Each structure stands twice: as structure tokens, then as C-alpha cells.
Amino acid sequence: MVEQSYPLSPGHRDAETSIEAAEAIKVGVETIRNKVFNVIANKGNFGATADEVAELLNYSPFTVRPRVTELFKLNKIERKDKRKNASKKAAYVYVVSKTHINNQYTEKGV
């Protein structure tokens, strides 16, 4: 299997615990990333914060936030706005990116 780098594969810092955590989630990361993307896509123009996605999927925010960052770095989602999360702090609202939508049309030859 070819090793992939971040954001295609979970990132980590050079700390041993961070490396272990990235390795542990590597097997299911694509599935989780797809679920996160689907929630954001289904929220349409209203979008969703990372914490809202975590709540809807019943996942820890610590599992979802890195997947949101990966999707953002892959240009599949973009920041639309900010709104307060459960902790009353401003959080980015994500929607499917125009780049991703355009790429989908291009791939289909439209």
C-alpha cells in the first residue's frame, strides 16, 4: 500500500502519542471523512460547524474536527460564515466548495 501524506492521510505532530493516534484512525479515516462531507453537503447553504457535524454523527468533536480540516485542505468544503457553537465560541460554518462542485461537473463532462 502506498503511504499517503496529509491531508489524504491523518496528520500528526512528532509526539509519540500523536503518531499513535494517527496510525490508529488511518484504517477508517476515509469512511469518517466521507460521512463528515455528506453531513455538510446535506446541510446545503446553511452549512454546519465541525461540532454540529460531530453531534449529528454522534462522534467526538476530536474525531470530526481533523476530518473537517482535511476536507477544507482538499478544497472539498469552504468556510461560509461563523456562528456560535455549544461553548458559545465562534466557529466556522462549512459548505461544499464551489471548486468541488465545479470539479464534479468537469469530471462528468458537463
C-alpha atoms as a PDB file:
ATOM      1  CA  MET A   1       0.000   0.000   0.000  1.00  0.00           C
ATOM      2  CA  VAL A   2       1.289   3.459  -0.928  1.00  0.00           C
ATOM      3  CA  GLU A   3       1.801   5.816   2.006  1.00  0.00           C
ATOM      4  CA  GLN A   4      -0.220   8.995   1.613  1.00  0.00           C
ATOM      5  CA  SER A   5       0.537  12.268   3.300  1.00  0.00           C
ATOM      6  CA  TYR A   6      -1.724  14.796   4.983  1.00  0.00           C
ATOM      7  CA  PRO A   7      -4.474  15.709   4.189  1.00  0.00           C
ATOM      8  CA  LEU A   8      -5.140  12.398   2.417  1.00  0.00           C
ATOM      9  CA  SER A   9      -3.935  10.522   5.476  1.00  0.00           C
ATOM     10  CA  PRO A  10      -4.337  11.588   9.127  1.00  0.00           C
ATOM     11  CA  GLY A  11      -1.718  14.081  10.189  1.00  0.00           C
ATOM     12  CA  HIS A  12       0.251  14.090  13.402  1.00  0.00           C
ATOM     13  CA  ARG A  13       2.844  16.002  15.300  1.00  0.00           C
ATOM     14  CA  ASP A  14       6.172  14.399  16.053  1.00  0.00           C
ATOM     15  CA  ALA A  15       4.989  13.349  19.517  1.00  0.00           C
ATOM     16  CA  GLU A  16       4.695   9.598  20.028  1.00  0.00           C
ATOM     17  CA  THR A  17       1.071   9.798  21.198  1.00  0.00           C
ATOM     18  CA  SER A  18       0.101  11.898  18.170  1.00  0.00           C
ATOM     19  CA  ILE A  19       1.730   9.417  15.804  1.00  0.00           C
ATOM     20  CA  GLU A  20      -0.037   6.505  17.518  1.00  0.00           C
ATOM     21  CA  ALA A  21      -3.412   8.275  17.286  1.00  0.00           C
ATOM     22  CA  ALA A  22      -2.942   8.996  13.567  1.00  0.00           C
ATOM     23  CA  GLU A  23      -1.979   5.383  12.897  1.00  0.00           C
ATOM     24  CA  ALA A  24      -4.956   4.064  14.902  1.00  0.00           C
ATOM     25  CA  ILE A  25      -7.530   6.028  12.894  1.00  0.00           C
ATOM     26  CA  LYS A  26      -5.878   5.583   9.489  1.00  0.00           C
ATOM     27  CA  VAL A  27      -7.919   2.479   8.605  1.00  0.00           C
ATOM     28  CA  GLY A  28     -11.330   4.154   8.958  1.00  0.00           C
ATOM     29  CA  VAL A  29     -10.447   7.735   8.171  1.00  0.00           C
ATOM     30  CA  GLU A  30     -11.816   7.726   4.612  1.00  0.00           C
ATOM     31  CA  THR A  31     -15.192   6.437   5.820  1.00  0.00           C
ATOM     32  CA  ILE A  32     -15.367   9.067   8.556  1.00  0.00           C
ATOM     33  CA  ARG A  33     -14.253  11.806   6.155  1.00  0.00           C
ATOM     34  CA  ASN A  34     -16.988  10.768   3.691  1.00  0.00           C
ATOM     35  CA  LYS A  35     -19.625  10.829   6.438  1.00  0.00           C
ATOM     36  CA  VAL A  36     -18.477  14.292   7.522  1.00  0.00           C
ATOM     37  CA  PHE A  37     -18.607  15.524   3.911  1.00  0.00           C
ATOM     38  CA  ASN A  38     -22.098  14.054   3.411  1.00  0.00           C
ATOM     39  CA  VAL A  39     -23.451  15.819   6.504  1.00  0.00           C
ATOM     40  CA  ILE A  40     -22.045  19.146   5.307  1.00  0.00           C
ATOM     41  CA  ALA A  41     -23.395  18.538   1.792  1.00  0.00           C
ATOM     42  CA  ASN A  42     -26.837  17.655   3.152  1.00  0.00           C
ATOM     43  CA  LYS A  43     -26.929  20.872   5.181  1.00  0.00           C
ATOM     44  CA  GLY A  44     -26.828  22.793   1.891  1.00  0.00           C
ATOM     45  CA  ASN A  45     -26.302  26.541   2.018  1.00  0.00           C
ATOM     46  CA  PHE A  46     -26.993  26.591   5.787  1.00  0.00           C
ATOM     47  CA  GLY A  47     -23.800  24.587   6.292  1.00  0.00           C
ATOM     48  CA  ALA A  48     -22.515  23.117   9.519  1.00  0.00           C
ATOM     49  CA  THR A  49     -19.783  23.677  12.062  1.00  0.00           C
ATOM     50  CA  ALA A  50     -17.446  20.831  12.957  1.00  0.00           C
ATOM     51  CA  ASP A  51     -19.173  20.453  16.324  1.00  0.00           C
ATOM     52  CA  GLU A  52     -22.609  20.301  14.672  1.00  0.00           C
ATOM     53  CA  VAL A  53     -21.345  17.556  12.368  1.00  0.00           C
ATOM     54  CA  ALA A  54     -19.947  15.668  15.366  1.00  0.00           C
ATOM     55  CA  GLU A  55     -23.279  15.881  17.144  1.00  0.00           C
ATOM     56  CA  LEU A  56     -25.242  14.692  14.103  1.00  0.00           C
ATOM     57  CA  LEU A  57     -22.889  11.736  13.598  1.00  0.00           C
ATOM     58  CA  ASN A  58     -22.653  11.012  17.324  1.00  0.00           C
ATOM     59  CA  TYR A  59     -18.852  11.253  17.103  1.00  0.00           C
ATOM     60  CA  SER A  60     -16.420  13.083  19.318  1.00  0.00           C
ATOM     61  CA  PRO A  61     -15.533  16.570  18.057  1.00  0.00           C
ATOM     62  CA  PHE A  62     -11.919  15.400  18.356  1.00  0.00           C
ATOM     63  CA  THR A  63     -12.639  12.824  15.631  1.00  0.00           C
ATOM     64  CA  VAL A  64     -14.580  15.198  13.380  1.00  0.00           C
ATOM     65  CA  ARG A  65     -12.530  18.407  13.563  1.00  0.00           C
ATOM     66  CA  PRO A  66      -9.441  16.911  11.873  1.00  0.00           C
ATOM     67  CA  ARG A  67     -11.640  15.417   9.121  1.00  0.00           C
ATOM     68  CA  VAL A  68     -13.169  18.861   8.523  1.00  0.00           C
ATOM     69  CA  THR A  69      -9.688  20.359   8.277  1.00  0.00           C
ATOM     70  CA  GLU A  70      -8.661  17.644   5.796  1.00  0.00           C
ATOM     71  CA  LEU A  71     -11.732  18.291   3.643  1.00  0.00           C
ATOM     72  CA  PHE A  72     -11.009  22.022   3.770  1.00  0.00           C
ATOM     73  CA  LYS A  73      -7.384  21.495   2.714  1.00  0.00           C
ATOM     74  CA  LEU A  74      -8.584  19.205  -0.104  1.00  0.00           C
ATOM     75  CA  ASN A  75     -10.848  22.080  -1.322  1.00  0.00           C
ATOM     76  CA  LYS A  76     -13.960  19.940  -0.927  1.00  0.00           C
ATOM     77  CA  ILE A  77     -15.512  22.332   1.575  1.00  0.00           C
ATOM     78  CA  GLU A  78     -15.139  26.047   2.226  1.00  0.00           C
ATOM     79  CA  ARG A  79     -15.807  28.444   5.071  1.00  0.00           C
ATOM     80  CA  LYS A  80     -19.000  30.385   4.580  1.00  0.00           C
ATOM     81  CA  ASP A  81     -19.602  32.150   7.849  1.00  0.00           C
ATOM     82  CA  LYS A  82     -19.212  31.843  11.613  1.00  0.00           C
ATOM     83  CA  ARG A  83     -21.736  31.016  14.303  1.00  0.00           C
ATOM     84  CA  LYS A  84     -21.557  30.169  17.973  1.00  0.00           C
ATOM     85  CA  ASN A  85     -21.100  26.561  18.944  1.00  0.00           C
ATOM     86  CA  ALA A  86     -22.238  24.888  22.195  1.00  0.00           C
ATOM     87  CA  SER A  87     -19.382  26.510  24.114  1.00  0.00           C
ATOM     88  CA  LYS A  88     -20.621  29.935  22.918  1.00  0.00           C
ATOM     89  CA  LYS A  89     -17.449  30.489  20.879  1.00  0.00           C
ATOM     90  CA  ALA A  90     -17.479  31.450  17.215  1.00  0.00           C
ATOM     91  CA  ALA A  91     -16.909  28.509  14.899  1.00  0.00           C
ATOM     92  CA  TYR A  92     -16.554  28.371  11.134  1.00  0.00           C
ATOM     93  CA  VAL A  93     -19.557  27.199   9.149  1.00  0.00           C
ATOM     94  CA  TYR A  94     -18.616  24.922   6.257  1.00  0.00           C
ATOM     95  CA  VAL A  95     -20.421  24.299   2.976  1.00  0.00           C
ATOM     96  CA  VAL A  96     -19.460  22.292  -0.103  1.00  0.00           C
ATOM     97  CA  SER A  97     -16.913  24.344  -2.028  1.00  0.00           C
ATOM     98  CA  LYS A  98     -17.566  25.833  -5.420  1.00  0.00           C
ATOM     99  CA  THR A  99     -14.298  24.215  -6.548  1.00  0.00           C
ATOM    100  CA  HIS A 100     -15.579  20.759  -5.597  1.00  0.00           C
ATOM    101  CA  ILE A 101     -18.908  21.353  -7.353  1.00  0.00           C
ATOM    102  CA  ASN A 102     -17.136  22.579 -10.499  1.00  0.00           C
ATOM    103  CA  ASN A 103     -14.809  19.567 -10.425  1.00  0.00           C
ATOM    104  CA  GLN A 104     -17.818  17.240 -10.225  1.00  0.00           C
ATOM    105  CA  TYR A 105     -19.295  18.824 -13.354  1.00  0.00           C
ATOM    106  CA  THR A 106     -15.952  18.691 -15.152  1.00  0.00           C
ATOM    107  CA  GLU A 107     -15.499  15.001 -14.345  1.00  0.00           C
ATOM    108  CA  LYS A 108     -18.975  14.293 -15.762  1.00  0.00           C
ATOM    109  CA  GLY A 109     -18.235  16.311 -18.906  1.00  0.00           C
ATOM    110  CA  VAL A 110     -20.915  18.907 -18.251  1.00  0.00           C
END
